[in-house]
Amino acid sequence: MIGDLFHLIILQPMINLLVLLSHLLFGSFGLAIIAFTILVRVFTFPLTLRQLHQTRAMQALQPRIQEIQKKYSDPRRRQEEMLKAYREAGVNPLGCLGPMLIQFPILIGLYYAIRRTLPESPEALEQLSNQLYNWSFIQRAVPLEEHFLGLDLRAFGNEGLGGFVMVLLVGLTTWLQSRTTVSYATDERARAQQQMMNWMLPVMFAFFALNFPIGVSLYWVVNSIVGIGFNIAVYGLPALNIEPIFHPKTPAPAAAPAQPGPSSRPAPAPHARTSHGPRRSKRQNRRRRS
């Protein structure tokens, strides 16, 4: 059931889109992958921009989070206060993970799409024709050219010098993207963990690139380059004096609740009388008359 849904929703549309883009881009499957990457980035741009805003907001909120961690020793109370601070600032800690989670089904789908779209045998080519929509301009677009810039897009990253170069590019562009992403960790322990992740992610994706077709590595390299451009547009590049284009809103620090002081106490009414005031005055009048 899940496999059928994956094929219907992700794999088959991806195969047909890649074939269509290749047909429009002079029969180049490499250019089709690049165009596909840019289209994915364009459609997910609102989510990516929201992620960047959430990252900046998390960074601005860290001093308050640290105060909460120092103030409350009870884990449950600390968690409640942290969630309250996130809610008041309009920050969702999980909002930073959206674009990354979307990439995984795309990578898996692209892995199978490349293997089926660039068949290595007549039998595989016949299977490909069964995956294509019954549109004449798509049916005429196969077979496709599997080479791009001297690279065999079907080959894996562990096959030949071209594959090794793509593996290095995957690791390098992933590292550059993490370096241009603003970090919201302020304490030493969190900063050390984040620095470790900044090195582990490039190594992890480079390892994946060893076992993925070069076409998937091409997608990831272009995707990372576009991500670097987004980071510079939002955060700028202080090392090169590049100012950001987008200025995400950062949460304003929460105002401390006002403490009631002597001047803030309500003054008594100028003509206020106690409940026994009128009775006492009448008794005094009676005594005076008598």
C-alpha atoms as a PDB file:
ATOM      1  CA  MET A   1       0.000   0.000   0.000  1.00  0.00           C
ATOM      2  CA  ILE A   2       2.724   2.483   0.976  1.00  0.00           C
ATOM      3  CA  GLY A   3       4.790   1.411  -2.030  1.00  0.00           C
ATOM      4  CA  ASP A   4       1.848   1.996  -4.373  1.00  0.00           C
ATOM      5  CA  LEU A   5       1.238   5.452  -2.919  1.00  0.00           C
ATOM      6  CA  PHE A   6       4.923   6.306  -3.214  1.00  0.00           C
ATOM      7  CA  HIS A   7       4.913   5.218  -6.850  1.00  0.00           C
ATOM      8  CA  LEU A   8       1.701   7.083  -7.663  1.00  0.00           C
ATOM      9  CA  ILE A   9       2.384  10.338  -5.788  1.00  0.00           C
ATOM     10  CA  ILE A  10       6.168  10.735  -6.032  1.00  0.00           C
ATOM     11  CA  LEU A  11       7.957   8.332  -8.370  1.00  0.00           C
ATOM     12  CA  GLN A  12       5.792   8.351 -11.496  1.00  0.00           C
ATOM     13  CA  PRO A  13       5.262  12.151 -11.579  1.00  0.00           C
ATOM     14  CA  MET A  14       8.993  12.623 -10.976  1.00  0.00           C
ATOM     15  CA  ILE A  15       9.900  10.321 -13.874  1.00  0.00           C
ATOM     16  CA  ASN A  16       7.545  12.113 -16.259  1.00  0.00           C
ATOM     17  CA  LEU A  17       8.711  15.545 -15.138  1.00  0.00           C
ATOM     18  CA  LEU A  18      12.363  14.617 -15.659  1.00  0.00           C
ATOM     19  CA  VAL A  19      11.600  13.237 -19.116  1.00  0.00           C
ATOM     20  CA  LEU A  20       9.641  16.386 -19.999  1.00  0.00           C
ATOM     21  CA  LEU A  21      12.407  18.687 -18.758  1.00  0.00           C
ATOM     22  CA  SER A  22      15.009  16.700 -20.657  1.00  0.00           C
ATOM     23  CA  HIS A  23      12.939  17.001 -23.830  1.00  0.00           C
ATOM     24  CA  LEU A  24      12.623  20.790 -23.342  1.00  0.00           C
ATOM     25  CA  LEU A  25      16.310  21.271 -22.464  1.00  0.00           C
ATOM     26  CA  PHE A  26      17.843  19.927 -25.675  1.00  0.00           C
ATOM     27  CA  GLY A  27      17.752  16.299 -24.585  1.00  0.00           C
ATOM     28  CA  SER A  28      20.175  16.863 -21.672  1.00  0.00           C
ATOM     29  CA  PHE A  29      19.213  14.821 -18.638  1.00  0.00           C
ATOM     30  CA  GLY A  30      21.799  16.657 -16.527  1.00  0.00           C
ATOM     31  CA  LEU A  31      20.132  19.992 -17.275  1.00  0.00           C
ATOM     32  CA  ALA A  32      16.797  18.333 -16.486  1.00  0.00           C
ATOM     33  CA  ILE A  33      18.070  17.406 -12.998  1.00  0.00           C
ATOM     34  CA  ILE A  34      19.318  20.974 -12.430  1.00  0.00           C
ATOM     35  CA  ALA A  35      15.989  22.429 -13.586  1.00  0.00           C
ATOM     36  CA  PHE A  36      14.137  19.921 -11.402  1.00  0.00           C
ATOM     37  CA  THR A  37      16.212  21.005  -8.384  1.00  0.00           C
ATOM     38  CA  ILE A  38      15.428  24.674  -8.983  1.00  0.00           C
ATOM     39  CA  LEU A  39      11.711  23.907  -9.386  1.00  0.00           C
ATOM     40  CA  VAL A  40      11.685  22.024  -6.078  1.00  0.00           C
ATOM     41  CA  ARG A  41      13.429  24.964  -4.407  1.00  0.00           C
ATOM     42  CA  VAL A  42      10.972  27.463  -5.894  1.00  0.00           C
ATOM     43  CA  PHE A  43       7.908  25.520  -4.741  1.00  0.00           C
ATOM     44  CA  THR A  44       9.333  25.007  -1.252  1.00  0.00           C
ATOM     45  CA  PHE A  45      10.619  28.582  -0.952  1.00  0.00           C
ATOM     46  CA  PRO A  46       7.876  29.715   1.505  1.00  0.00           C
ATOM     47  CA  LEU A  47       8.711  26.770   3.757  1.00  0.00           C
ATOM     48  CA  THR A  48      12.442  27.456   3.447  1.00  0.00           C
ATOM     49  CA  LEU A  49      11.970  31.139   4.260  1.00  0.00           C
ATOM     50  CA  ARG A  50       9.859  30.207   7.279  1.00  0.00           C
ATOM     51  CA  GLN A  51      12.611  27.854   8.416  1.00  0.00           C
ATOM     52  CA  LEU A  52      15.194  30.628   8.159  1.00  0.00           C
ATOM     53  CA  HIS A  53      12.923  32.992  10.093  1.00  0.00           C
ATOM     54  CA  GLN A  54      12.400  30.369  12.785  1.00  0.00           C
ATOM     55  CA  THR A  55      16.149  29.861  13.075  1.00  0.00           C
ATOM     56  CA  ARG A  56      16.719  33.587  13.530  1.00  0.00           C
ATOM     57  CA  ALA A  57      13.882  33.776  16.084  1.00  0.00           C
ATOM     58  CA  MET A  58      15.336  30.822  18.001  1.00  0.00           C
ATOM     59  CA  GLN A  59      18.659  32.600  18.136  1.00  0.00           C
ATOM     60  CA  ALA A  60      17.083  35.766  19.544  1.00  0.00           C
ATOM     61  CA  LEU A  61      15.190  33.724  22.141  1.00  0.00           C
ATOM     62  CA  GLN A  62      18.205  31.884  23.529  1.00  0.00           C
ATOM     63  CA  PRO A  63      19.036  34.334  26.364  1.00  0.00           C
ATOM     64  CA  ARG A  64      15.544  33.902  27.785  1.00  0.00           C
ATOM     65  CA  ILE A  65      15.744  30.123  27.407  1.00  0.00           C
ATOM     66  CA  GLN A  66      19.017  30.105  29.331  1.00  0.00           C
ATOM     67  CA  GLU A  67      17.453  32.148  32.124  1.00  0.00           C
ATOM     68  CA  ILE A  68      14.600  29.641  32.364  1.00  0.00           C
ATOM     69  CA  GLN A  69      17.045  26.728  32.503  1.00  0.00           C
ATOM     70  CA  LYS A  70      18.967  28.380  35.349  1.00  0.00           C
ATOM     71  CA  LYS A  71      15.877  29.465  37.253  1.00  0.00           C
ATOM     72  CA  TYR A  72      13.867  26.234  37.290  1.00  0.00           C
ATOM     73  CA  SER A  73      15.398  22.984  38.503  1.00  0.00           C
ATOM     74  CA  ASP A  74      12.196  20.964  38.064  1.00  0.00           C
ATOM     75  CA  PRO A  75      12.315  19.480  34.523  1.00  0.00           C
ATOM     76  CA  ARG A  76       8.530  19.618  34.133  1.00  0.00           C
ATOM     77  CA  ARG A  77       8.265  23.265  35.187  1.00  0.00           C
ATOM     78  CA  ARG A  78      11.274  24.136  33.042  1.00  0.00           C
ATOM     79  CA  GLN A  79       9.650  22.504  30.013  1.00  0.00           C
ATOM     80  CA  GLU A  80       6.390  24.354  30.637  1.00  0.00           C
ATOM     81  CA  GLU A  81       8.153  27.715  30.883  1.00  0.00           C
ATOM     82  CA  MET A  82      10.183  27.039  27.737  1.00  0.00           C
ATOM     83  CA  LEU A  83       7.052  26.119  25.778  1.00  0.00           C
ATOM     84  CA  LYS A  84       5.405  29.265  27.106  1.00  0.00           C
ATOM     85  CA  ALA A  85       8.366  31.360  25.926  1.00  0.00           C
ATOM     86  CA  TYR A  86       8.243  29.718  22.478  1.00  0.00           C
ATOM     87  CA  ARG A  87       4.506  30.323  22.247  1.00  0.00           C
ATOM     88  CA  GLU A  88       4.762  33.991  23.257  1.00  0.00           C
ATOM     89  CA  ALA A  89       7.534  34.565  20.703  1.00  0.00           C
ATOM     90  CA  GLY A  90       5.661  32.698  17.966  1.00  0.00           C
ATOM     91  CA  VAL A  91       8.493  30.173  17.592  1.00  0.00           C
ATOM     92  CA  ASN A  92       8.114  26.492  16.749  1.00  0.00           C
ATOM     93  CA  PRO A  93      11.354  24.546  17.423  1.00  0.00           C
ATOM     94  CA  LEU A  94      10.268  21.866  14.945  1.00  0.00           C
ATOM     95  CA  GLY A  95       9.722  24.461  12.230  1.00  0.00           C
ATOM     96  CA  CYS A  96      13.433  24.340  11.390  1.00  0.00           C
ATOM     97  CA  LEU A  97      13.183  20.702  10.286  1.00  0.00           C
ATOM     98  CA  GLY A  98      10.557  21.037   7.553  1.00  0.00           C
ATOM     99  CA  PRO A  99      12.749  21.500   4.449  1.00  0.00           C
ATOM    100  CA  MET A 100      15.162  18.808   5.604  1.00  0.00           C
ATOM    101  CA  LEU A 101      12.349  16.285   6.075  1.00  0.00           C
ATOM    102  CA  ILE A 102      10.988  17.063   2.606  1.00  0.00           C
ATOM    103  CA  GLN A 103      14.372  16.291   1.033  1.00  0.00           C
ATOM    104  CA  PHE A 104      14.404  12.635   2.084  1.00  0.00           C
ATOM    105  CA  PRO A 105      11.424  11.390   0.004  1.00  0.00           C
ATOM    106  CA  ILE A 106      12.711  13.487  -2.906  1.00  0.00           C
ATOM    107  CA  LEU A 107      16.159  11.874  -2.671  1.00  0.00           C
ATOM    108  CA  ILE A 108      14.683   8.366  -2.504  1.00  0.00           C
ATOM    109  CA  GLY A 109      12.317   9.107  -5.377  1.00  0.00           C
ATOM    110  CA  LEU A 110      15.117  10.592  -7.480  1.00  0.00           C
ATOM    111  CA  TYR A 111      17.282   7.535  -6.799  1.00  0.00           C
ATOM    112  CA  TYR A 112      14.667   5.224  -8.344  1.00  0.00           C
ATOM    113  CA  ALA A 113      13.639   7.740 -11.012  1.00  0.00           C
ATOM    114  CA  ILE A 114      17.187   7.964 -12.390  1.00  0.00           C
ATOM    115  CA  ARG A 115      17.606   4.196 -12.420  1.00  0.00           C
ATOM    116  CA  ARG A 116      14.341   3.770 -14.306  1.00  0.00           C
ATOM    117  CA  THR A 117      14.630   6.799 -16.577  1.00  0.00           C
ATOM    118  CA  LEU A 118      18.150   5.905 -17.760  1.00  0.00           C
ATOM    119  CA  PRO A 119      17.686   2.202 -18.535  1.00  0.00           C
ATOM    120  CA  GLU A 120      20.683   0.020 -19.315  1.00  0.00           C
ATOM    121  CA  SER A 121      18.852  -2.664 -21.295  1.00  0.00           C
ATOM    122  CA  PRO A 122      15.990  -2.937 -23.818  1.00  0.00           C
ATOM    123  CA  GLU A 123      13.871  -4.670 -21.162  1.00  0.00           C
ATOM    124  CA  ALA A 124      14.361  -1.749 -18.785  1.00  0.00           C
ATOM    125  CA  LEU A 125      13.513   0.678 -21.592  1.00  0.00           C
ATOM    126  CA  GLU A 126      10.251  -1.192 -22.151  1.00  0.00           C
ATOM    127  CA  GLN A 127       9.467  -0.925 -18.437  1.00  0.00           C
ATOM    128  CA  LEU A 128      10.139   2.804 -18.632  1.00  0.00           C
ATOM    129  CA  SER A 129       7.528   3.205 -21.379  1.00  0.00           C
ATOM    130  CA  ASN A 130       4.957   1.746 -18.989  1.00  0.00           C
ATOM    131  CA  GLN A 131       5.800   4.475 -16.434  1.00  0.00           C
ATOM    132  CA  LEU A 132       5.238   7.367 -18.850  1.00  0.00           C
ATOM    133  CA  TYR A 133       1.973   9.202 -19.274  1.00  0.00           C
ATOM    134  CA  ASN A 134       0.206   8.650 -22.575  1.00  0.00           C
ATOM    135  CA  TRP A 135       1.347  11.976 -24.003  1.00  0.00           C
ATOM    136  CA  SER A 136       3.021  11.931 -27.400  1.00  0.00           C
ATOM    137  CA  PHE A 137       5.692  14.551 -26.638  1.00  0.00           C
ATOM    138  CA  ILE A 138       6.801  12.543 -23.572  1.00  0.00           C
ATOM    139  CA  GLN A 139       6.727   9.204 -25.364  1.00  0.00           C
ATOM    140  CA  ARG A 140       8.967  10.614 -28.114  1.00  0.00           C
ATOM    141  CA  ALA A 141      11.532  11.907 -25.601  1.00  0.00           C
ATOM    142  CA  VAL A 142      13.026   8.482 -24.792  1.00  0.00           C
ATOM    143  CA  PRO A 143      15.632   7.081 -24.817  1.00  0.00           C
ATOM    144  CA  LEU A 144      17.519   9.762 -22.901  1.00  0.00           C
ATOM    145  CA  GLU A 145      21.163  10.802 -22.938  1.00  0.00           C
ATOM    146  CA  GLU A 146      22.781   9.524 -19.758  1.00  0.00           C
ATOM    147  CA  HIS A 147      26.011  11.583 -19.913  1.00  0.00           C
ATOM    148  CA  PHE A 148      26.446  15.143 -18.642  1.00  0.00           C
ATOM    149  CA  LEU A 149      29.775  17.022 -18.550  1.00  0.00           C
ATOM    150  CA  GLY A 150      31.587  13.742 -19.099  1.00  0.00           C
ATOM    151  CA  LEU A 151      29.797  12.056 -16.172  1.00  0.00           C
ATOM    152  CA  ASP A 152      27.629   8.978 -16.445  1.00  0.00           C
ATOM    153  CA  LEU A 153      24.577   9.970 -14.401  1.00  0.00           C
ATOM    154  CA  ARG A 154      23.700   6.309 -13.876  1.00  0.00           C
ATOM    155  CA  ALA A 155      27.050   5.408 -12.306  1.00  0.00           C
ATOM    156  CA  PHE A 156      27.435   5.335  -8.534  1.00  0.00           C
ATOM    157  CA  GLY A 157      29.697   7.621  -6.550  1.00  0.00           C
ATOM    158  CA  ASN A 158      32.177   4.829  -5.852  1.00  0.00           C
ATOM    159  CA  GLU A 159      32.715   4.154  -9.556  1.00  0.00           C
ATOM    160  CA  GLY A 160      35.542   6.077 -11.190  1.00  0.00           C
ATOM    161  CA  LEU A 161      37.103   9.497 -10.777  1.00  0.00           C
ATOM    162  CA  GLY A 162      33.949  11.383 -11.761  1.00  0.00           C
ATOM    163  CA  GLY A 163      31.962   9.728  -9.008  1.00  0.00           C
ATOM    164  CA  PHE A 164      34.661  10.518  -6.438  1.00  0.00           C
ATOM    165  CA  VAL A 165      34.653  14.194  -7.491  1.00  0.00           C
ATOM    166  CA  MET A 166      30.878  14.350  -7.053  1.00  0.00           C
ATOM    167  CA  VAL A 167      31.167  12.782  -3.591  1.00  0.00           C
ATOM    168  CA  LEU A 168      33.650  15.506  -2.606  1.00  0.00           C
ATOM    169  CA  LEU A 169      31.347  18.194  -3.999  1.00  0.00           C
ATOM    170  CA  VAL A 170      28.424  16.796  -2.014  1.00  0.00           C
ATOM    171  CA  GLY A 171      30.437  16.971   1.214  1.00  0.00           C
ATOM    172  CA  LEU A 172      31.852  20.431   0.450  1.00  0.00           C
ATOM    173  CA  THR A 173      28.552  22.094  -0.501  1.00  0.00           C
ATOM    174  CA  THR A 174      26.780  20.545   2.494  1.00  0.00           C
ATOM    175  CA  TRP A 175      29.482  21.931   4.796  1.00  0.00           C
ATOM    176  CA  LEU A 176      29.271  25.395   3.194  1.00  0.00           C
ATOM    177  CA  GLN A 177      25.496  25.419   3.594  1.00  0.00           C
ATOM    178  CA  SER A 178      25.802  24.589   7.297  1.00  0.00           C
ATOM    179  CA  ARG A 179      28.454  27.287   7.722  1.00  0.00           C
ATOM    180  CA  THR A 180      26.213  29.966   6.207  1.00  0.00           C
ATOM    181  CA  THR A 181      23.273  28.956   8.396  1.00  0.00           C
ATOM    182  CA  VAL A 182      22.861  31.107  11.495  1.00  0.00           C
ATOM    183  CA  SER A 183      23.312  29.127  14.691  1.00  0.00           C
ATOM    184  CA  TYR A 184      21.009  29.736  17.669  1.00  0.00           C
ATOM    185  CA  ALA A 185      23.112  27.853  20.237  1.00  0.00           C
ATOM    186  CA  THR A 186      24.652  30.142  22.840  1.00  0.00           C
ATOM    187  CA  ASP A 187      25.869  27.880  25.631  1.00  0.00           C
ATOM    188  CA  GLU A 188      29.107  25.965  25.231  1.00  0.00           C
ATOM    189  CA  ARG A 189      27.605  22.490  25.300  1.00  0.00           C
ATOM    190  CA  ALA A 190      24.976  23.202  22.631  1.00  0.00           C
ATOM    191  CA  ARG A 191      27.522  25.028  20.517  1.00  0.00           C
ATOM    192  CA  ALA A 192      29.896  22.057  20.644  1.00  0.00           C
ATOM    193  CA  GLN A 193      27.094  19.690  19.624  1.00  0.00           C
ATOM    194  CA  GLN A 194      26.134  21.933  16.744  1.00  0.00           C
ATOM    195  CA  GLN A 195      29.707  22.184  15.526  1.00  0.00           C
ATOM    196  CA  MET A 196      29.921  18.404  15.610  1.00  0.00           C
ATOM    197  CA  MET A 197      26.726  18.175  13.524  1.00  0.00           C
ATOM    198  CA  ASN A 198      28.166  20.692  11.052  1.00  0.00           C
ATOM    199  CA  TRP A 199      30.928  18.173  10.376  1.00  0.00           C
ATOM    200  CA  MET A 200      28.849  15.015  10.644  1.00  0.00           C
ATOM    201  CA  LEU A 201      26.214  16.046   8.093  1.00  0.00           C
ATOM    202  CA  PRO A 202      28.720  16.548   5.226  1.00  0.00           C
ATOM    203  CA  VAL A 203      30.355  13.211   6.047  1.00  0.00           C
ATOM    204  CA  MET A 204      26.967  11.471   6.210  1.00  0.00           C
ATOM    205  CA  PHE A 205      25.748  12.841   2.872  1.00  0.00           C
ATOM    206  CA  ALA A 206      29.103  12.153   1.237  1.00  0.00           C
ATOM    207  CA  PHE A 207      28.761   8.538   2.401  1.00  0.00           C
ATOM    208  CA  PHE A 208      25.274   8.410   0.888  1.00  0.00           C
ATOM    209  CA  ALA A 209      26.695   9.827  -2.358  1.00  0.00           C
ATOM    210  CA  LEU A 210      29.059   6.866  -2.586  1.00  0.00           C
ATOM    211  CA  ASN A 211      26.065   4.548  -2.912  1.00  0.00           C
ATOM    212  CA  PHE A 212      23.784   6.791  -4.971  1.00  0.00           C
ATOM    213  CA  PRO A 213      23.823   7.484  -8.718  1.00  0.00           C
ATOM    214  CA  ILE A 214      25.808  10.542  -9.764  1.00  0.00           C
ATOM    215  CA  GLY A 215      22.541  12.122 -10.921  1.00  0.00           C
ATOM    216  CA  VAL A 216      21.334  12.183  -7.296  1.00  0.00           C
ATOM    217  CA  SER A 217      24.650  13.748  -6.234  1.00  0.00           C
ATOM    218  CA  LEU A 218      24.169  16.404  -8.927  1.00  0.00           C
ATOM    219  CA  TYR A 219      20.753  17.190  -7.477  1.00  0.00           C
ATOM    220  CA  TRP A 220      22.169  17.525  -3.960  1.00  0.00           C
ATOM    221  CA  VAL A 221      25.073  19.757  -5.050  1.00  0.00           C
ATOM    222  CA  VAL A 222      22.726  22.153  -6.885  1.00  0.00           C
ATOM    223  CA  ASN A 223      20.276  22.019  -3.971  1.00  0.00           C
ATOM    224  CA  SER A 224      23.037  22.954  -1.502  1.00  0.00           C
ATOM    225  CA  ILE A 225      24.266  25.801  -3.729  1.00  0.00           C
ATOM    226  CA  VAL A 226      20.747  27.248  -3.867  1.00  0.00           C
ATOM    227  CA  GLY A 227      20.496  26.804  -0.087  1.00  0.00           C
ATOM    228  CA  ILE A 228      23.739  28.750   0.370  1.00  0.00           C
ATOM    229  CA  GLY A 229      22.258  31.541  -1.745  1.00  0.00           C
ATOM    230  CA  PHE A 230      19.123  31.601   0.428  1.00  0.00           C
ATOM    231  CA  ASN A 231      21.212  31.781   3.613  1.00  0.00           C
ATOM    232  CA  ILE A 232      23.245  34.702   2.273  1.00  0.00           C
ATOM    233  CA  ALA A 233      20.069  36.474   1.128  1.00  0.00           C
ATOM    234  CA  VAL A 234      18.525  36.171   4.599  1.00  0.00           C
ATOM    235  CA  TYR A 235      21.563  36.473   6.892  1.00  0.00           C
ATOM    236  CA  GLY A 236      24.138  38.144   4.680  1.00  0.00           C
ATOM    237  CA  LEU A 237      27.824  37.286   4.756  1.00  0.00           C
ATOM    238  CA  PRO A 238      29.624  39.430   7.340  1.00  0.00           C
ATOM    239  CA  ALA A 239      33.034  38.107   6.307  1.00  0.00           C
ATOM    240  CA  LEU A 240      32.574  39.706   2.866  1.00  0.00           C
ATOM    241  CA  ASN A 241      30.442  42.657   4.058  1.00  0.00           C
ATOM    242  CA  ILE A 242      27.382  41.326   2.230  1.00  0.00           C
ATOM    243  CA  GLU A 243      24.138  42.641   3.693  1.00  0.00           C
ATOM    244  CA  PRO A 244      21.009  40.439   3.830  1.00  0.00           C
ATOM    245  CA  ILE A 245      18.218  41.015   1.343  1.00  0.00           C
ATOM    246  CA  PHE A 246      15.418  39.628   3.507  1.00  0.00           C
ATOM    247  CA  HIS A 247      15.133  40.817   7.071  1.00  0.00           C
ATOM    248  CA  PRO A 248      13.208  38.229   9.077  1.00  0.00           C
ATOM    249  CA  LYS A 249      11.285  39.427  12.078  1.00  0.00           C
ATOM    250  CA  THR A 250      12.839  38.543  15.399  1.00  0.00           C
ATOM    251  CA  PRO A 251      10.747  38.211  18.526  1.00  0.00           C
ATOM    252  CA  ALA A 252      10.834  41.194  20.848  1.00  0.00           C
ATOM    253  CA  PRO A 253      12.024  40.400  24.355  1.00  0.00           C
ATOM    254  CA  ALA A 254       9.107  39.815  26.667  1.00  0.00           C
ATOM    255  CA  ALA A 255       8.505  42.687  29.045  1.00  0.00           C
ATOM    256  CA  ALA A 256       8.842  41.858  32.708  1.00  0.00           C
ATOM    257  CA  PRO A 257       5.544  42.057  34.611  1.00  0.00           C
ATOM    258  CA  ALA A 258       5.128  45.317  36.477  1.00  0.00           C
ATOM    259  CA  GLN A 259       5.656  45.065  40.229  1.00  0.00           C
ATOM    260  CA  PRO A 260       3.064  46.924  42.276  1.00  0.00           C
ATOM    261  CA  GLY A 261       4.717  49.789  44.115  1.00  0.00           C
ATOM    262  CA  PRO A 262       3.476  52.394  46.536  1.00  0.00           C
ATOM    263  CA  SER A 263       2.506  54.757  43.721  1.00  0.00           C
ATOM    264  CA  SER A 264       0.546  52.034  41.918  1.00  0.00           C
ATOM    265  CA  ARG A 265      -1.803  51.296  44.840  1.00  0.00           C
ATOM    266  CA  PRO A 266      -5.298  52.650  44.322  1.00  0.00           C
ATOM    267  CA  ALA A 267      -5.935  55.745  46.387  1.00  0.00           C
ATOM    268  CA  PRO A 268      -8.980  55.712  48.618  1.00  0.00           C
ATOM    269  CA  ALA A 269     -11.983  57.656  47.475  1.00  0.00           C
ATOM    270  CA  PRO A 270     -11.932  61.185  48.810  1.00  0.00           C
ATOM    271  CA  HIS A 271     -15.436  60.939  50.342  1.00  0.00           C
ATOM    272  CA  ALA A 272     -15.371  57.258  51.254  1.00  0.00           C
ATOM    273  CA  ARG A 273     -17.245  56.433  54.419  1.00  0.00           C
ATOM    274  CA  THR A 274     -17.243  53.269  56.440  1.00  0.00           C
ATOM    275  CA  SER A 275     -20.379  51.249  56.879  1.00  0.00           C
ATOM    276  CA  HIS A 276     -20.725  52.503  60.454  1.00  0.00           C
ATOM    277  CA  GLY A 277     -20.018  56.141  59.679  1.00  0.00           C
ATOM    278  CA  PRO A 278     -23.643  57.367  59.297  1.00  0.00           C
ATOM    279  CA  ARG A 279     -24.846  55.565  62.480  1.00  0.00           C
ATOM    280  CA  ARG A 280     -22.118  57.122  64.588  1.00  0.00           C
ATOM    281  CA  SER A 281     -22.901  60.573  63.299  1.00  0.00           C
ATOM    282  CA  LYS A 282     -26.653  60.169  64.142  1.00  0.00           C
ATOM    283  CA  ARG A 283     -25.860  59.011  67.673  1.00  0.00           C
ATOM    284  CA  GLN A 284     -23.595  61.981  68.180  1.00  0.00           C
ATOM    285  CA  ASN A 285     -26.372  64.315  66.991  1.00  0.00           C
ATOM    286  CA  ARG A 286     -28.890  62.760  69.393  1.00  0.00           C
ATOM    287  CA  ARG A 287     -26.506  63.207  72.313  1.00  0.00           C
ATOM    288  CA  ARG A 288     -25.933  66.816  71.396  1.00  0.00           C
ATOM    289  CA  ARG A 289     -29.693  67.516  71.224  1.00  0.00           C
ATOM    290  CA  SER A 290     -30.295  65.847  74.566  1.00  0.00           C
END
